[in-house]
N, C-alpha and C. Protein backbone atom coordinates (compact mmCIF):
# COMPACT_ATOMS: atom_id res chain seq x y z
N UNK A 1 52.67 -26.08 159.59
CA UNK A 1 52.55 -26.53 158.21
C UNK A 1 53.86 -26.26 157.46
N UNK A 2 54.16 -27.13 156.54
CA UNK A 2 55.33 -26.94 155.69
C UNK A 2 54.96 -25.99 154.55
N UNK A 3 55.95 -25.52 153.78
CA UNK A 3 55.64 -24.65 152.65
C UNK A 3 54.68 -25.28 151.64
N UNK A 4 54.63 -26.63 151.59
CA UNK A 4 53.73 -27.30 150.65
C UNK A 4 52.36 -27.57 151.28
N UNK A 5 52.15 -27.12 152.50
CA UNK A 5 50.86 -27.31 153.15
C UNK A 5 50.71 -28.60 153.94
N UNK A 6 51.77 -29.41 153.98
CA UNK A 6 51.74 -30.65 154.74
C UNK A 6 51.91 -30.38 156.23
N UNK A 7 51.39 -31.28 157.04
CA UNK A 7 51.70 -31.25 158.46
C UNK A 7 53.16 -31.69 158.61
N UNK A 8 53.90 -31.12 159.55
CA UNK A 8 55.29 -31.56 159.75
C UNK A 8 55.33 -33.04 160.16
N UNK A 9 56.25 -33.78 159.59
CA UNK A 9 56.42 -35.18 159.97
C UNK A 9 57.05 -35.25 161.36
N UNK A 10 57.03 -36.43 161.94
CA UNK A 10 57.68 -36.60 163.24
C UNK A 10 59.17 -36.26 163.14
N UNK A 11 59.79 -36.55 161.99
CA UNK A 11 61.21 -36.25 161.82
C UNK A 11 61.45 -34.75 161.73
N UNK A 12 60.56 -34.03 161.05
CA UNK A 12 60.68 -32.57 161.01
C UNK A 12 60.50 -31.98 162.40
N UNK A 13 59.62 -32.57 163.17
CA UNK A 13 59.39 -32.08 164.54
C UNK A 13 60.59 -32.39 165.44
N UNK A 14 61.25 -33.51 165.22
CA UNK A 14 62.49 -33.80 165.96
C UNK A 14 63.56 -32.77 165.58
N UNK A 15 63.71 -32.51 164.28
CA UNK A 15 64.72 -31.53 163.83
C UNK A 15 64.45 -30.15 164.39
N UNK A 16 63.17 -29.81 164.58
CA UNK A 16 62.79 -28.50 165.13
C UNK A 16 62.83 -28.49 166.66
N UNK A 17 63.21 -29.63 167.25
CA UNK A 17 63.30 -29.77 168.71
C UNK A 17 61.92 -29.69 169.39
N UNK A 18 60.87 -30.01 168.64
CA UNK A 18 59.52 -30.08 169.22
C UNK A 18 59.29 -31.42 169.91
N UNK A 19 60.04 -32.44 169.48
CA UNK A 19 59.96 -33.77 170.06
C UNK A 19 61.39 -34.13 170.47
N UNK A 20 61.58 -34.59 171.71
CA UNK A 20 62.94 -34.93 172.15
C UNK A 20 63.48 -36.17 171.44
N UNK A 21 64.76 -36.16 171.22
CA UNK A 21 65.45 -37.31 170.64
C UNK A 21 66.92 -37.20 171.01
N UNK A 22 67.60 -38.33 170.94
CA UNK A 22 69.04 -38.34 171.16
C UNK A 22 69.70 -38.11 169.80
N UNK A 23 70.11 -36.87 169.57
CA UNK A 23 70.71 -36.49 168.30
C UNK A 23 72.13 -37.03 168.23
N UNK A 24 72.46 -37.65 167.11
CA UNK A 24 73.78 -38.23 166.90
C UNK A 24 74.64 -37.32 166.04
N UNK A 25 74.08 -36.81 164.95
CA UNK A 25 74.79 -35.94 164.02
C UNK A 25 73.79 -34.96 163.43
N UNK A 26 74.25 -33.74 163.19
CA UNK A 26 73.45 -32.75 162.47
C UNK A 26 74.34 -32.06 161.46
N UNK A 27 73.81 -31.85 160.27
CA UNK A 27 74.43 -30.99 159.28
C UNK A 27 73.36 -29.98 158.87
N UNK A 28 73.70 -29.15 157.92
CA UNK A 28 72.72 -28.18 157.44
C UNK A 28 71.50 -28.85 156.83
N UNK A 29 71.71 -30.05 156.21
CA UNK A 29 70.61 -30.69 155.48
C UNK A 29 70.21 -32.07 156.01
N UNK A 30 70.95 -32.60 156.98
CA UNK A 30 70.72 -33.95 157.49
C UNK A 30 70.65 -33.91 159.01
N UNK A 31 69.83 -34.79 159.58
CA UNK A 31 69.82 -34.99 161.02
C UNK A 31 69.76 -36.50 161.28
N UNK A 32 70.51 -36.96 162.26
CA UNK A 32 70.53 -38.38 162.62
C UNK A 32 70.31 -38.48 164.13
N UNK A 33 69.49 -39.48 164.52
CA UNK A 33 69.16 -39.66 165.93
C UNK A 33 68.94 -41.13 166.22
N UNK A 34 69.08 -41.49 167.49
CA UNK A 34 68.87 -42.87 167.88
C UNK A 34 67.40 -43.25 167.74
N UNK A 35 67.17 -44.45 167.22
CA UNK A 35 65.80 -44.94 167.05
C UNK A 35 65.19 -45.22 168.42
N UNK A 36 63.91 -44.90 168.59
CA UNK A 36 63.27 -45.11 169.90
C UNK A 36 62.88 -46.57 170.14
N UNK A 37 62.90 -47.39 169.09
CA UNK A 37 62.61 -48.82 169.22
C UNK A 37 63.69 -49.59 168.46
N UNK A 38 64.91 -49.60 169.00
CA UNK A 38 66.03 -50.17 168.24
C UNK A 38 65.84 -51.65 167.89
N UNK A 39 66.26 -51.97 166.68
CA UNK A 39 66.22 -53.35 166.18
C UNK A 39 67.61 -53.97 166.15
N UNK A 40 68.60 -53.24 166.61
CA UNK A 40 69.99 -53.71 166.68
C UNK A 40 70.68 -52.89 167.76
N UNK A 41 71.81 -53.38 168.27
CA UNK A 41 72.52 -52.61 169.31
C UNK A 41 72.86 -51.19 168.88
N UNK A 42 73.19 -51.00 167.62
CA UNK A 42 73.37 -49.66 167.06
C UNK A 42 72.23 -49.49 166.06
N UNK A 43 71.33 -48.55 166.33
CA UNK A 43 70.21 -48.29 165.41
C UNK A 43 69.96 -46.79 165.39
N UNK A 44 70.37 -46.17 164.29
CA UNK A 44 70.28 -44.72 164.12
C UNK A 44 69.42 -44.42 162.90
N UNK A 45 68.51 -43.48 163.04
CA UNK A 45 67.70 -43.00 161.92
C UNK A 45 68.41 -41.78 161.34
N UNK A 46 68.61 -41.79 160.03
CA UNK A 46 69.24 -40.66 159.34
C UNK A 46 68.23 -40.14 158.33
N UNK A 47 67.93 -38.85 158.41
CA UNK A 47 66.90 -38.28 157.56
C UNK A 47 67.30 -36.89 157.08
N UNK A 48 66.58 -36.43 156.08
CA UNK A 48 66.78 -35.08 155.57
C UNK A 48 65.99 -34.10 156.43
N UNK A 49 66.46 -32.90 156.50
CA UNK A 49 65.69 -31.87 157.20
C UNK A 49 64.44 -31.50 156.42
N UNK A 50 64.51 -31.56 155.11
CA UNK A 50 63.33 -31.29 154.30
C UNK A 50 62.48 -32.55 154.21
N UNK A 51 61.17 -32.37 154.24
CA UNK A 51 60.32 -33.54 154.04
C UNK A 51 59.73 -33.54 152.63
N UNK A 52 60.44 -32.88 151.72
CA UNK A 52 60.03 -32.80 150.32
C UNK A 52 59.97 -34.17 149.66
N UNK A 53 60.83 -35.09 150.12
CA UNK A 53 60.92 -36.42 149.49
C UNK A 53 60.32 -37.46 150.42
N UNK A 54 59.38 -38.24 149.90
CA UNK A 54 58.70 -39.25 150.71
C UNK A 54 59.54 -40.52 150.89
N UNK A 55 60.41 -40.82 149.93
CA UNK A 55 61.18 -42.06 150.00
C UNK A 55 62.49 -41.91 149.24
N UNK A 56 63.31 -42.92 149.29
CA UNK A 56 64.65 -42.85 148.70
C UNK A 56 64.59 -42.75 147.18
N UNK A 57 63.57 -43.31 146.56
CA UNK A 57 63.46 -43.22 145.10
C UNK A 57 63.22 -41.77 144.69
N UNK A 58 62.32 -41.08 145.39
CA UNK A 58 62.08 -39.67 145.11
C UNK A 58 63.33 -38.84 145.38
N UNK A 59 64.04 -39.14 146.46
CA UNK A 59 65.25 -38.40 146.79
C UNK A 59 66.32 -38.60 145.73
N UNK A 60 66.53 -39.83 145.30
CA UNK A 60 67.55 -40.11 144.29
C UNK A 60 67.25 -39.37 142.98
N UNK A 61 65.98 -39.30 142.62
CA UNK A 61 65.60 -38.60 141.39
C UNK A 61 65.67 -37.09 141.55
N UNK A 62 65.30 -36.59 142.74
CA UNK A 62 65.19 -35.15 142.93
C UNK A 62 66.44 -34.45 143.40
N UNK A 63 67.26 -35.14 144.18
CA UNK A 63 68.47 -34.50 144.73
C UNK A 63 69.50 -35.56 145.07
N UNK A 64 70.17 -36.12 144.05
CA UNK A 64 71.15 -37.17 144.32
C UNK A 64 72.28 -36.73 145.24
N UNK A 65 72.61 -35.45 145.23
CA UNK A 65 73.65 -34.95 146.13
C UNK A 65 73.24 -35.06 147.59
N UNK A 66 71.96 -34.81 147.87
CA UNK A 66 71.46 -34.95 149.23
C UNK A 66 71.45 -36.41 149.66
N UNK A 67 71.12 -37.30 148.73
CA UNK A 67 71.19 -38.73 149.04
C UNK A 67 72.62 -39.13 149.35
N UNK A 68 73.56 -38.64 148.57
CA UNK A 68 74.98 -38.95 148.83
C UNK A 68 75.41 -38.42 150.19
N UNK A 69 74.93 -37.24 150.55
CA UNK A 69 75.25 -36.67 151.86
C UNK A 69 74.68 -37.54 152.98
N UNK A 70 73.45 -38.01 152.81
CA UNK A 70 72.83 -38.88 153.81
C UNK A 70 73.66 -40.15 153.99
N UNK A 71 74.09 -40.74 152.89
CA UNK A 71 74.90 -41.96 152.97
C UNK A 71 76.26 -41.67 153.62
N UNK A 72 76.85 -40.53 153.32
CA UNK A 72 78.14 -40.16 153.92
C UNK A 72 77.99 -39.97 155.43
N UNK A 73 76.90 -39.36 155.86
CA UNK A 73 76.65 -39.21 157.30
C UNK A 73 76.52 -40.59 157.94
N UNK A 74 75.78 -41.49 157.28
CA UNK A 74 75.64 -42.85 157.80
C UNK A 74 76.99 -43.53 157.93
N UNK A 75 77.83 -43.39 156.92
CA UNK A 75 79.16 -44.02 156.97
C UNK A 75 79.99 -43.45 158.11
N UNK A 76 79.89 -42.15 158.36
CA UNK A 76 80.62 -41.54 159.47
C UNK A 76 80.17 -42.07 160.81
N UNK A 77 78.86 -42.22 160.96
CA UNK A 77 78.32 -42.77 162.22
C UNK A 77 78.81 -44.21 162.39
N UNK A 78 78.76 -44.99 161.31
CA UNK A 78 79.21 -46.38 161.37
C UNK A 78 80.69 -46.47 161.72
N UNK A 79 81.48 -45.56 161.21
CA UNK A 79 82.91 -45.56 161.53
C UNK A 79 83.13 -45.34 163.02
N UNK A 80 82.32 -44.49 163.62
CA UNK A 80 82.45 -44.20 165.05
C UNK A 80 81.88 -45.30 165.93
N UNK A 81 80.79 -45.90 165.50
CA UNK A 81 80.04 -46.79 166.40
C UNK A 81 80.15 -48.27 166.09
N UNK A 82 80.61 -48.63 164.90
CA UNK A 82 80.56 -50.06 164.55
C UNK A 82 81.73 -50.54 163.71
N UNK A 83 82.84 -49.85 163.77
CA UNK A 83 84.03 -50.30 163.04
C UNK A 83 83.76 -50.42 161.54
N UNK A 84 82.95 -49.51 160.99
CA UNK A 84 82.67 -49.43 159.55
C UNK A 84 81.85 -50.58 158.99
N UNK A 85 81.25 -51.39 159.82
CA UNK A 85 80.44 -52.50 159.32
C UNK A 85 78.99 -52.24 159.74
N UNK A 86 78.11 -52.15 158.74
CA UNK A 86 76.74 -51.75 159.04
C UNK A 86 75.79 -52.15 157.93
N UNK A 87 74.53 -52.04 158.23
CA UNK A 87 73.46 -52.21 157.26
C UNK A 87 72.74 -50.87 157.17
N UNK A 88 72.45 -50.42 155.97
CA UNK A 88 71.71 -49.19 155.75
C UNK A 88 70.43 -49.56 155.02
N UNK A 89 69.28 -49.33 155.67
CA UNK A 89 67.99 -49.78 155.15
C UNK A 89 67.09 -48.59 154.86
N UNK A 90 66.54 -48.56 153.65
CA UNK A 90 65.51 -47.59 153.27
C UNK A 90 64.24 -48.39 152.99
N UNK A 91 63.22 -48.23 153.79
CA UNK A 91 61.94 -48.85 153.50
C UNK A 91 61.18 -47.90 152.57
N UNK A 92 60.66 -48.44 151.49
CA UNK A 92 59.95 -47.61 150.51
C UNK A 92 58.57 -48.20 150.28
N UNK A 93 57.57 -47.55 150.85
CA UNK A 93 56.19 -48.00 150.71
C UNK A 93 55.70 -48.71 151.96
N UNK A 94 54.41 -48.61 152.16
CA UNK A 94 53.79 -49.16 153.36
C UNK A 94 54.01 -50.66 153.50
N UNK A 95 53.84 -51.42 152.43
CA UNK A 95 54.00 -52.87 152.56
C UNK A 95 55.46 -53.28 152.74
N UNK A 96 56.38 -52.38 152.50
CA UNK A 96 57.80 -52.64 152.74
C UNK A 96 58.21 -52.22 154.15
N UNK A 97 57.26 -51.71 154.93
CA UNK A 97 57.55 -51.35 156.31
C UNK A 97 57.73 -49.87 156.56
N UNK A 98 57.55 -49.02 155.54
CA UNK A 98 57.69 -47.58 155.76
C UNK A 98 56.46 -47.08 156.50
N UNK A 99 56.69 -46.42 157.63
CA UNK A 99 55.60 -45.88 158.43
C UNK A 99 55.62 -44.35 158.50
N UNK A 100 56.77 -43.76 158.23
CA UNK A 100 56.90 -42.30 158.19
C UNK A 100 57.28 -41.95 156.75
N UNK A 101 56.43 -41.19 156.09
CA UNK A 101 56.64 -40.89 154.68
C UNK A 101 57.41 -39.58 154.49
N UNK A 102 58.60 -39.60 155.07
CA UNK A 102 59.62 -38.56 155.00
C UNK A 102 60.90 -39.38 154.86
N UNK A 103 61.58 -39.25 153.73
CA UNK A 103 62.71 -40.14 153.43
C UNK A 103 63.64 -40.27 154.64
N UNK A 104 64.03 -41.52 154.91
CA UNK A 104 64.97 -41.78 156.00
C UNK A 104 65.58 -43.15 155.82
N UNK A 105 66.72 -43.32 156.43
CA UNK A 105 67.42 -44.60 156.43
C UNK A 105 67.62 -45.05 157.86
N UNK A 106 67.67 -46.35 158.03
CA UNK A 106 68.00 -46.95 159.32
C UNK A 106 69.40 -47.54 159.22
N UNK A 107 70.31 -47.06 160.05
CA UNK A 107 71.64 -47.63 160.16
C UNK A 107 71.57 -48.65 161.29
N UNK A 108 71.85 -49.90 160.97
CA UNK A 108 71.82 -50.98 161.95
C UNK A 108 73.19 -51.64 162.00
N UNK A 109 73.68 -51.88 163.20
CA UNK A 109 75.02 -52.46 163.32
C UNK A 109 75.23 -53.03 164.70
N UNK A 110 76.28 -53.79 164.80
CA UNK A 110 76.78 -54.24 166.09
C UNK A 110 77.85 -53.23 166.51
N UNK A 111 78.02 -53.03 167.81
CA UNK A 111 79.13 -52.17 168.24
C UNK A 111 80.46 -52.76 167.76
N UNK A 112 81.49 -51.96 167.79
CA UNK A 112 82.80 -52.41 167.34
C UNK A 112 83.31 -53.60 168.13
N UNK A 113 84.31 -54.31 167.59
CA UNK A 113 84.89 -55.47 168.27
C UNK A 113 85.38 -55.12 169.67
N UNK A 114 85.34 -56.11 170.52
CA UNK A 114 85.82 -55.91 171.88
C UNK A 114 84.73 -55.50 172.85
N UNK A 115 83.52 -55.23 172.35
CA UNK A 115 82.40 -54.92 173.24
C UNK A 115 81.56 -56.18 173.39
N UNK A 116 80.70 -56.20 174.37
CA UNK A 116 79.89 -57.38 174.66
C UNK A 116 79.11 -57.84 173.43
N UNK A 117 78.49 -56.91 172.71
CA UNK A 117 77.69 -57.29 171.55
C UNK A 117 78.48 -57.19 170.25
N UNK A 118 79.72 -56.77 170.32
CA UNK A 118 80.50 -56.51 169.13
C UNK A 118 80.92 -57.72 168.34
N UNK A 119 80.81 -58.89 168.92
CA UNK A 119 81.22 -60.08 168.20
C UNK A 119 80.04 -60.81 167.57
N UNK A 120 78.81 -60.29 167.74
CA UNK A 120 77.63 -60.89 167.12
C UNK A 120 77.54 -60.41 165.67
N UNK A 121 76.57 -60.94 164.95
CA UNK A 121 76.42 -60.59 163.54
C UNK A 121 74.99 -60.18 163.25
N UNK A 122 74.83 -59.31 162.29
CA UNK A 122 73.52 -58.99 161.73
C UNK A 122 73.41 -59.78 160.43
N UNK A 123 73.13 -61.07 160.53
CA UNK A 123 73.06 -61.93 159.36
C UNK A 123 72.00 -61.49 158.38
N UNK A 124 72.07 -62.00 157.17
CA UNK A 124 71.14 -61.61 156.12
C UNK A 124 69.67 -61.78 156.53
N UNK A 125 69.36 -62.78 157.34
CA UNK A 125 67.97 -63.02 157.72
C UNK A 125 67.51 -62.22 158.93
N UNK A 126 68.35 -61.35 159.47
CA UNK A 126 68.01 -60.69 160.71
C UNK A 126 67.02 -59.55 160.55
N UNK A 127 66.69 -59.16 159.33
CA UNK A 127 65.75 -58.07 159.10
C UNK A 127 64.60 -58.53 158.22
N UNK A 128 64.14 -59.73 158.42
CA UNK A 128 63.05 -60.25 157.61
C UNK A 128 61.78 -59.43 157.85
N UNK A 129 60.92 -59.39 156.84
CA UNK A 129 59.64 -58.71 157.00
C UNK A 129 58.86 -59.36 158.12
N UNK A 130 58.15 -58.53 158.88
CA UNK A 130 57.34 -59.06 159.98
C UNK A 130 55.89 -58.98 159.62
């Protein structure tokens, strides 16, 4: 249980190493790992270690510095994996596709130029609601 009495989210359990994941980056307050069902050649989930915030709106209101840190981590991953070109998606609410109510972002990108998939595009319509 968390200090607020909640069951730990799947992301909290990944951060605690209770569930295996391919960790990409860790900081004191952020953890990023490869998505288990990627929607793009580069698909990384970036989340806070605390599950205090259910979505990006709550995070922005409650701790804008932590939101900025999450975005900075995403930008660093994109610089390494996709030549700084990426999409950062926050689903907020069940009908918007949010399934884990622990704030997180999906970094989606093509690998950098010169790789097999690096010359493709994540066009505007590539993430339509399903």
